[in-house]
Amino acid sequence: MARKLFIGGLPYRTTNEELQEAFAKAGTVVSASIVTDRETGRSRGFGFVEMEDADADNAISMWNGKDFGGRMLTVSDARPKA
């Protein structure tokens, strides 16, 4: 079963591929996507990564509070949409 993680504090120039490569260091990445502004198409500075359950905890401990491209990441379990 895959678990969705919220990734905040991403540098605005980060690509989906870079996000996936970074989190692949912690385990198997099912999907990685950066949220973009609908009008401009620019990154909003956060995204989501889906990982296998066992790897998700490893990714949180590996990346939460760490520097990524000059910005401090916030990594946590994603909350369901309201």
PDB file of N, CA and C in Angstrom:
ATOM      1  N   MET A   1       0.850  -1.188   0.000  1.00  0.00           N
ATOM      2  CA  MET A   1       0.000   0.000   0.000  1.00  0.00           C
ATOM      3  C   MET A   1       0.887   1.239   0.000  1.00  0.00           C
ATOM      4  N   ALA A   2       0.539   2.205  -0.801  1.00  0.00           N
ATOM      5  CA  ALA A   2       1.323   3.436  -0.897  1.00  0.00           C
ATOM      6  C   ALA A   2       0.788   4.488   0.078  1.00  0.00           C
ATOM      7  N   ARG A   3       1.697   5.305   0.566  1.00  0.00           N
ATOM      8  CA  ARG A   3       1.359   6.381   1.493  1.00  0.00           C
ATOM      9  C   ARG A   3       1.747   7.699   0.839  1.00  0.00           C
ATOM     10  N   LYS A   4       0.885   8.696   0.929  1.00  0.00           N
ATOM     11  CA  LYS A   4       1.134  10.001   0.320  1.00  0.00           C
ATOM     12  C   LYS A   4       1.770  10.935   1.337  1.00  0.00           C
ATOM     13  N   LEU A   5       2.867  11.570   0.926  1.00  0.00           N
ATOM     14  CA  LEU A   5       3.576  12.509   1.782  1.00  0.00           C
ATOM     15  C   LEU A   5       3.454  13.916   1.218  1.00  0.00           C
ATOM     16  N   PHE A   6       3.303  14.894   2.115  1.00  0.00           N
ATOM     17  CA  PHE A   6       3.306  16.306   1.745  1.00  0.00           C
ATOM     18  C   PHE A   6       4.745  16.789   1.846  1.00  0.00           C
ATOM     19  N   ILE A   7       5.220  17.482   0.805  1.00  0.00           N
ATOM     20  CA  ILE A   7       6.570  18.028   0.793  1.00  0.00           C
ATOM     21  C   ILE A   7       6.454  19.543   0.649  1.00  0.00           C
ATOM     22  N   GLY A   8       6.765  20.284   1.689  1.00  0.00           N
ATOM     23  CA  GLY A   8       6.691  21.746   1.666  1.00  0.00           C
ATOM     24  C   GLY A   8       8.077  22.361   1.663  1.00  0.00           C
ATOM     25  N   GLY A   9       8.158  23.597   1.187  1.00  0.00           N
ATOM     26  CA  GLY A   9       9.430  24.318   1.184  1.00  0.00           C
ATOM     27  C   GLY A   9      10.317  23.990   0.005  1.00  0.00           C
ATOM     28  N   LEU A  10       9.732  23.482  -1.070  1.00  0.00           N
ATOM     29  CA  LEU A  10      10.534  23.148  -2.249  1.00  0.00           C
ATOM     30  C   LEU A  10      11.013  24.407  -2.961  1.00  0.00           C
ATOM     31  N   PRO A  11      12.243  24.384  -3.480  1.00  0.00           N
ATOM     32  CA  PRO A  11      12.681  25.498  -4.325  1.00  0.00           C
ATOM     33  C   PRO A  11      11.754  25.575  -5.548  1.00  0.00           C
ATOM     34  N   TYR A  12      11.454  26.773  -5.993  1.00  0.00           N
ATOM     35  CA  TYR A  12      10.484  26.954  -7.081  1.00  0.00           C
ATOM     36  C   TYR A  12      10.947  26.364  -8.407  1.00  0.00           C
ATOM     37  N   ARG A  13      12.228  26.131  -8.565  1.00  0.00           N
ATOM     38  CA  ARG A  13      12.743  25.590  -9.820  1.00  0.00           C
ATOM     39  C   ARG A  13      12.797  24.057  -9.841  1.00  0.00           C
ATOM     40  N   THR A  14      12.435  23.404  -8.743  1.00  0.00           N
ATOM     41  CA  THR A  14      12.483  21.942  -8.654  1.00  0.00           C
ATOM     42  C   THR A  14      11.506  21.309  -9.635  1.00  0.00           C
ATOM     43  N   THR A  15      11.955  20.237 -10.304  1.00  0.00           N
ATOM     44  CA  THR A  15      11.100  19.502 -11.244  1.00  0.00           C
ATOM     45  C   THR A  15      10.563  18.237 -10.575  1.00  0.00           C
ATOM     46  N   ASN A  16       9.540  17.643 -11.185  1.00  0.00           N
ATOM     47  CA  ASN A  16       8.992  16.382 -10.676  1.00  0.00           C
ATOM     48  C   ASN A  16      10.076  15.311 -10.638  1.00  0.00           C
ATOM     49  N   GLU A  17      10.930  15.294 -11.672  1.00  0.00           N
ATOM     50  CA  GLU A  17      11.991  14.289 -11.759  1.00  0.00           C
ATOM     51  C   GLU A  17      13.009  14.457 -10.629  1.00  0.00           C
ATOM     52  N   GLU A  18      13.378  15.702 -10.326  1.00  0.00           N
ATOM     53  CA  GLU A  18      14.325  15.954  -9.234  1.00  0.00           C
ATOM     54  C   GLU A  18      13.732  15.530  -7.892  1.00  0.00           C
ATOM     55  N   LEU A  19      12.452  15.794  -7.705  1.00  0.00           N
ATOM     56  CA  LEU A  19      11.772  15.399  -6.474  1.00  0.00           C
ATOM     57  C   LEU A  19      11.767  13.878  -6.345  1.00  0.00           C
ATOM     58  N   GLN A  20      11.452  13.200  -7.435  1.00  0.00           N
ATOM     59  CA  GLN A  20      11.419  11.738  -7.417  1.00  0.00           C
ATOM     60  C   GLN A  20      12.809  11.161  -7.149  1.00  0.00           C
ATOM     61  N   GLU A  21      13.831  11.702  -7.793  1.00  0.00           N
ATOM     62  CA  GLU A  21      15.198  11.217  -7.577  1.00  0.00           C
ATOM     63  C   GLU A  21      15.637  11.397  -6.124  1.00  0.00           C
ATOM     64  N   ALA A  22      15.317  12.545  -5.533  1.00  0.00           N
ATOM     65  CA  ALA A  22      15.711  12.819  -4.153  1.00  0.00           C
ATOM     66  C   ALA A  22      15.055  11.828  -3.193  1.00  0.00           C
ATOM     67  N   PHE A  23      13.764  11.583  -3.362  1.00  0.00           N
ATOM     68  CA  PHE A  23      13.057  10.701  -2.434  1.00  0.00           C
ATOM     69  C   PHE A  23      13.318   9.229  -2.721  1.00  0.00           C
ATOM     70  N   ALA A  24      13.818   8.911  -3.909  1.00  0.00           N
ATOM     71  CA  ALA A  24      14.184   7.530  -4.225  1.00  0.00           C
ATOM     72  C   ALA A  24      15.361   7.068  -3.364  1.00  0.00           C
ATOM     73  N   LYS A  25      16.122   8.016  -2.822  1.00  0.00           N
ATOM     74  CA  LYS A  25      17.227   7.675  -1.919  1.00  0.00           C
ATOM     75  C   LYS A  25      16.704   7.058  -0.624  1.00  0.00           C
ATOM     76  N   ALA A  26      15.438   7.322  -0.297  1.00  0.00           N
ATOM     77  CA  ALA A  26      14.834   6.793   0.931  1.00  0.00           C
ATOM     78  C   ALA A  26      14.048   5.516   0.675  1.00  0.00           C
ATOM     79  N   GLY A  27      13.783   5.190  -0.585  1.00  0.00           N
ATOM     80  CA  GLY A  27      13.019   3.983  -0.898  1.00  0.00           C
ATOM     81  C   GLY A  27      12.276   4.098  -2.208  1.00  0.00           C
ATOM     82  N   THR A  28      11.308   3.199  -2.402  1.00  0.00           N
ATOM     83  CA  THR A  28      10.560   3.120  -3.645  1.00  0.00           C
ATOM     84  C   THR A  28       9.528   4.236  -3.756  1.00  0.00           C
ATOM     85  N   VAL A  29       9.662   5.047  -4.804  1.00  0.00           N
ATOM     86  CA  VAL A  29       8.721   6.134  -5.066  1.00  0.00           C
ATOM     87  C   VAL A  29       7.695   5.652  -6.086  1.00  0.00           C
ATOM     88  N   VAL A  30       6.413   5.736  -5.724  1.00  0.00           N
ATOM     89  CA  VAL A  30       5.331   5.364  -6.638  1.00  0.00           C
ATOM     90  C   VAL A  30       5.043   6.523  -7.582  1.00  0.00           C
ATOM     91  N   SER A  31       4.968   7.746  -7.038  1.00  0.00           N
ATOM     92  CA  SER A  31       4.749   8.939  -7.857  1.00  0.00           C
ATOM     93  C   SER A  31       5.255  10.167  -7.121  1.00  0.00           C
ATOM     94  N   ALA A  32       5.574  11.199  -7.903  1.00  0.00           N
ATOM     95  CA  ALA A  32       6.029  12.470  -7.333  1.00  0.00           C
ATOM     96  C   ALA A  32       5.478  13.592  -8.198  1.00  0.00           C
ATOM     97  N   SER A  33       4.852  14.576  -7.560  1.00  0.00           N
ATOM     98  CA  SER A  33       4.304  15.690  -8.342  1.00  0.00           C
ATOM     99  C   SER A  33       4.406  16.985  -7.554  1.00  0.00           C
ATOM    100  N   ILE A  34       4.737  18.041  -8.277  1.00  0.00           N
ATOM    101  CA  ILE A  34       4.828  19.370  -7.703  1.00  0.00           C
ATOM    102  C   ILE A  34       3.568  20.127  -8.088  1.00  0.00           C
ATOM    103  N   VAL A  35       2.977  20.827  -7.131  1.00  0.00           N
ATOM    104  CA  VAL A  35       1.754  21.589  -7.376  1.00  0.00           C
ATOM    105  C   VAL A  35       2.132  22.909  -8.050  1.00  0.00           C
ATOM    106  N   THR A  36       1.421  23.214  -9.148  1.00  0.00           N
ATOM    107  CA  THR A  36       1.696  24.441  -9.896  1.00  0.00           C
ATOM    108  C   THR A  36       0.486  25.363  -9.888  1.00  0.00           C
ATOM    109  N   ASP A  37       0.742  26.646 -10.076  1.00  0.00           N
ATOM    110  CA  ASP A  37      -0.307  27.649 -10.166  1.00  0.00           C
ATOM    111  C   ASP A  37      -1.065  27.437 -11.474  1.00  0.00           C
ATOM    112  N   ARG A  38      -2.381  27.449 -11.429  1.00  0.00           N
ATOM    113  CA  ARG A  38      -3.198  27.204 -12.621  1.00  0.00           C
ATOM    114  C   ARG A  38      -3.004  28.262 -13.699  1.00  0.00           C
ATOM    115  N   GLU A  39      -2.835  29.497 -13.290  1.00  0.00           N
ATOM    116  CA  GLU A  39      -2.733  30.592 -14.262  1.00  0.00           C
ATOM    117  C   GLU A  39      -1.338  30.752 -14.853  1.00  0.00           C
ATOM    118  N   THR A  40      -0.312  30.670 -14.009  1.00  0.00           N
ATOM    119  CA  THR A  40       1.048  30.919 -14.490  1.00  0.00           C
ATOM    120  C   THR A  40       1.821  29.647 -14.820  1.00  0.00           C
ATOM    121  N   GLY A  41       1.410  28.522 -14.248  1.00  0.00           N
ATOM    122  CA  GLY A  41       2.121  27.273 -14.471  1.00  0.00           C
ATOM    123  C   GLY A  41       3.387  27.148 -13.630  1.00  0.00           C
ATOM    124  N   ARG A  42       3.667  28.141 -12.789  1.00  0.00           N
ATOM    125  CA  ARG A  42       4.856  28.108 -11.939  1.00  0.00           C
ATOM    126  C   ARG A  42       4.595  27.269 -10.688  1.00  0.00           C
ATOM    127  N   SER A  43       5.673  26.713 -10.158  1.00  0.00           N
ATOM    128  CA  SER A  43       5.596  25.917  -8.937  1.00  0.00           C
ATOM    129  C   SER A  43       5.081  26.766  -7.778  1.00  0.00           C
ATOM    130  N   ARG A  44       4.289  26.140  -6.897  1.00  0.00           N
ATOM    131  CA  ARG A  44       3.803  26.835  -5.700  1.00  0.00           C
ATOM    132  C   ARG A  44       4.683  26.532  -4.490  1.00  0.00           C
ATOM    133  N   GLY A  45       5.762  25.760  -4.692  1.00  0.00           N
ATOM    134  CA  GLY A  45       6.711  25.498  -3.616  1.00  0.00           C
ATOM    135  C   GLY A  45       6.377  24.303  -2.748  1.00  0.00           C
ATOM    136  N   PHE A  46       5.416  23.492  -3.176  1.00  0.00           N
ATOM    137  CA  PHE A  46       5.125  22.267  -2.437  1.00  0.00           C
ATOM    138  C   PHE A  46       4.660  21.191  -3.405  1.00  0.00           C
ATOM    139  N   GLY A  47       4.663  19.958  -2.919  1.00  0.00           N
ATOM    140  CA  GLY A  47       4.247  18.845  -3.770  1.00  0.00           C
ATOM    141  C   GLY A  47       3.923  17.628  -2.936  1.00  0.00           C
ATOM    142  N   PHE A  48       3.727  16.518  -3.614  1.00  0.00           N
ATOM    143  CA  PHE A  48       3.362  15.266  -2.965  1.00  0.00           C
ATOM    144  C   PHE A  48       4.184  14.125  -3.548  1.00  0.00           C
ATOM    145  N   VAL A  49       4.546  13.190  -2.680  1.00  0.00           N
ATOM    146  CA  VAL A  49       5.276  11.989  -3.098  1.00  0.00           C
ATOM    147  C   VAL A  49       4.531  10.799  -2.522  1.00  0.00           C
ATOM    148  N   GLU A  50       4.272   9.804  -3.349  1.00  0.00           N
ATOM    149  CA  GLU A  50       3.668   8.560  -2.878  1.00  0.00           C
ATOM    150  C   GLU A  50       4.769   7.522  -2.785  1.00  0.00           C
ATOM    151  N   MET A  51       4.853   6.869  -1.611  1.00  0.00           N
ATOM    152  CA  MET A  51       5.880   5.858  -1.371  1.00  0.00           C
ATOM    153  C   MET A  51       5.260   4.645  -0.703  1.00  0.00           C
ATOM    154  N   GLU A  52       5.971   3.533  -0.773  1.00  0.00           N
ATOM    155  CA  GLU A  52       5.555   2.337  -0.053  1.00  0.00           C
ATOM    156  C   GLU A  52       5.563   2.654   1.442  1.00  0.00           C
ATOM    157  N   ASP A  53       4.672   2.026   2.208  1.00  0.00           N
ATOM    158  CA  ASP A  53       4.528   2.309   3.646  1.00  0.00           C
ATOM    159  C   ASP A  53       5.849   2.298   4.401  1.00  0.00           C
ATOM    160  N   ALA A  54       6.628   1.250   4.243  1.00  0.00           N
ATOM    161  CA  ALA A  54       7.874   1.118   4.998  1.00  0.00           C
ATOM    162  C   ALA A  54       8.863   2.218   4.630  1.00  0.00           C
ATOM    163  N   ASP A  55       8.884   2.621   3.377  1.00  0.00           N
ATOM    164  CA  ASP A  55       9.821   3.643   2.917  1.00  0.00           C
ATOM    165  C   ASP A  55       9.388   5.058   3.304  1.00  0.00           C
ATOM    166  N   ALA A  56       8.094   5.274   3.513  1.00  0.00           N
ATOM    167  CA  ALA A  56       7.584   6.616   3.830  1.00  0.00           C
ATOM    168  C   ALA A  56       8.151   7.130   5.151  1.00  0.00           C
ATOM    169  N   ASP A  57       8.195   6.278   6.174  1.00  0.00           N
ATOM    170  CA  ASP A  57       8.764   6.696   7.469  1.00  0.00           C
ATOM    171  C   ASP A  57      10.238   7.051   7.312  1.00  0.00           C
ATOM    172  N   ASN A  58      10.948   6.266   6.518  1.00  0.00           N
ATOM    173  CA  ASN A  58      12.364   6.529   6.264  1.00  0.00           C
ATOM    174  C   ASN A  58      12.537   7.875   5.567  1.00  0.00           C
ATOM    175  N   ALA A  59      11.664   8.180   4.601  1.00  0.00           N
ATOM    176  CA  ALA A  59      11.743   9.447   3.866  1.00  0.00           C
ATOM    177  C   ALA A  59      11.470  10.641   4.782  1.00  0.00           C
ATOM    178  N   ILE A  60      10.506  10.497   5.672  1.00  0.00           N
ATOM    179  CA  ILE A  60      10.188  11.589   6.605  1.00  0.00           C
ATOM    180  C   ILE A  60      11.401  11.875   7.491  1.00  0.00           C
ATOM    181  N   SER A  61      11.999  10.831   8.057  1.00  0.00           N
ATOM    182  CA  SER A  61      13.148  11.052   8.941  1.00  0.00           C
ATOM    183  C   SER A  61      14.366  11.543   8.154  1.00  0.00           C
ATOM    184  N   MET A  62      14.484  11.138   6.899  1.00  0.00           N
ATOM    185  CA  MET A  62      15.634  11.535   6.088  1.00  0.00           C
ATOM    186  C   MET A  62      15.548  12.981   5.605  1.00  0.00           C
ATOM    187  N   TRP A  63      14.346  13.458   5.234  1.00  0.00           N
ATOM    188  CA  TRP A  63      14.211  14.762   4.584  1.00  0.00           C
ATOM    189  C   TRP A  63      13.576  15.868   5.417  1.00  0.00           C
ATOM    190  N   ASN A  64      12.789  15.548   6.431  1.00  0.00           N
ATOM    191  CA  ASN A  64      12.121  16.604   7.196  1.00  0.00           C
ATOM    192  C   ASN A  64      13.140  17.486   7.913  1.00  0.00           C
ATOM    193  N   GLY A  65      13.064  18.802   7.664  1.00  0.00           N
ATOM    194  CA  GLY A  65      13.965  19.748   8.301  1.00  0.00           C
ATOM    195  C   GLY A  65      15.328  19.856   7.634  1.00  0.00           C
ATOM    196  N   LYS A  66      15.509  19.174   6.501  1.00  0.00           N
ATOM    197  CA  LYS A  66      16.797  19.190   5.814  1.00  0.00           C
ATOM    198  C   LYS A  66      16.799  20.218   4.681  1.00  0.00           C
ATOM    199  N   ASP A  67      17.991  20.683   4.332  1.00  0.00           N
ATOM    200  CA  ASP A  67      18.172  21.634   3.243  1.00  0.00           C
ATOM    201  C   ASP A  67      18.058  20.920   1.898  1.00  0.00           C
ATOM    202  N   PHE A  68      17.282  21.496   1.001  1.00  0.00           N
ATOM    203  CA  PHE A  68      17.134  20.959  -0.357  1.00  0.00           C
ATOM    204  C   PHE A  68      17.150  22.150  -1.305  1.00  0.00           C
ATOM    205  N   GLY A  69      18.228  22.316  -2.042  1.00  0.00           N
ATOM    206  CA  GLY A  69      18.332  23.422  -2.981  1.00  0.00           C
ATOM    207  C   GLY A  69      18.296  24.788  -2.326  1.00  0.00           C
ATOM    208  N   GLY A  70      18.762  24.875  -1.087  1.00  0.00           N
ATOM    209  CA  GLY A  70      18.797  26.154  -0.401  1.00  0.00           C
ATOM    210  C   GLY A  70      17.564  26.476   0.427  1.00  0.00           C
ATOM    211  N   ARG A  71      16.595  25.571   0.460  1.00  0.00           N
ATOM    212  CA  ARG A  71      15.391  25.781   1.280  1.00  0.00           C
ATOM    213  C   ARG A  71      15.201  24.608   2.224  1.00  0.00           C
ATOM    214  N   MET A  72      14.564  24.870   3.357  1.00  0.00           N
ATOM    215  CA  MET A  72      14.321  23.852   4.372  1.00  0.00           C
ATOM    216  C   MET A  72      13.013  23.120   4.061  1.00  0.00           C
ATOM    217  N   LEU A  73      13.100  21.792   3.933  1.00  0.00           N
ATOM    218  CA  LEU A  73      11.912  20.999   3.620  1.00  0.00           C
ATOM    219  C   LEU A  73      11.078  20.677   4.846  1.00  0.00           C
ATOM    220  N   THR A  74       9.772  20.586   4.631  1.00  0.00           N
ATOM    221  CA  THR A  74       8.830  20.078   5.623  1.00  0.00           C
ATOM    222  C   THR A  74       8.211  18.831   4.996  1.00  0.00           C
ATOM    223  N   VAL A  75       8.384  17.697   5.638  1.00  0.00           N
ATOM    224  CA  VAL A  75       7.877  16.433   5.098  1.00  0.00           C
ATOM    225  C   VAL A  75       6.993  15.786   6.153  1.00  0.00           C
ATOM    226  N   SER A  76       5.752  15.476   5.761  1.00  0.00           N
ATOM    227  CA  SER A  76       4.810  14.847   6.694  1.00  0.00           C
ATOM    228  C   SER A  76       3.785  14.049   5.900  1.00  0.00           C
ATOM    229  N   ASP A  77       2.984  13.265   6.619  1.00  0.00           N
ATOM    230  CA  ASP A  77       1.890  12.558   5.954  1.00  0.00           C
ATOM    231  C   ASP A  77       0.901  13.583   5.412  1.00  0.00           C
ATOM    232  N   ALA A  78       0.453  13.355   4.186  1.00  0.00           N
ATOM    233  CA  ALA A  78      -0.517  14.261   3.570  1.00  0.00           C
ATOM    234  C   ALA A  78      -1.870  14.092   4.239  1.00  0.00           C
ATOM    235  N   ARG A  79      -2.565  15.216   4.430  1.00  0.00           N
ATOM    236  CA  ARG A  79      -3.926  15.169   4.979  1.00  0.00           C
ATOM    237  C   ARG A  79      -4.901  15.021   3.818  1.00  0.00           C
ATOM    238  N   PRO A  80      -5.998  14.308   4.030  1.00  0.00           N
ATOM    239  CA  PRO A  80      -7.006  14.197   2.961  1.00  0.00           C
ATOM    240  C   PRO A  80      -7.624  15.558   2.639  1.00  0.00           C
ATOM    241  N   LYS A  81      -8.056  15.720   1.383  1.00  0.00           N
ATOM    242  CA  LYS A  81      -8.710  16.975   0.979  1.00  0.00           C
ATOM    243  C   LYS A  81      -9.983  17.175   1.773  1.00  0.00           C
ATOM    244  N   ALA A  82     -10.238  18.412   2.156  1.00  0.00           N
ATOM    245  CA  ALA A  82     -11.449  18.721   2.935  1.00  0.00           C
ATOM    246  C   ALA A  82     -12.645  18.875   2.021  1.00  0.00           C
TER     247      ALA A  82
END
